[in-house]
Amino acid sequence: MNITQFTRRRTVQVLKSLARPEHWDFRVAFANAQPRKQVATYLRRTRTITINACHFENAQDILGAGLHEMAHHIDWETNTTLHQRKRIKIHGKEFRRVLRGLVAAFNHRYGDVEKGWLVFNPSKPRRCPRFVKF
């Protein structure tokens, strides 16, 4: 899939609009070729969210993956010491709390009946949130 510049810019705008200013120190990069199962990654050393565009069919799924990775960024920034001591799981309780909050904020600001809502399954935290129309 060829992602337009608008989609890229809009994804970054939406992600930054959902984060508090102290968490704006991340970068978003888009790639077109990555391993099959890895649709997006967060690199904590460089604070970079990489979204592998070739795995997505629409902009909504890209946003879901971006939110998932931004939850990793916020979780790491908030709980750095605990992560360094390996006291917190990568997709543990704190991560799920952050992701649930991001999904709720997204739905509050951007969700509607026509476009759909982001849905996050807390029992499968490794999966990205998906758009669902009711």
Foldseek 3Di string as FASTA:
>chain_A
DDDDPVLVVVLLVLLVVLDDPVLNQAEEAEAADDDDPDQWEADQVNRYIYGHVNVDDDSQVSSQSVLLRSLLSVLCVVPVVCVVVVVADSLGDSSLVSSVSSQVVCCVPPNDQVFFGWDDDSVCSVDTTGGDHD
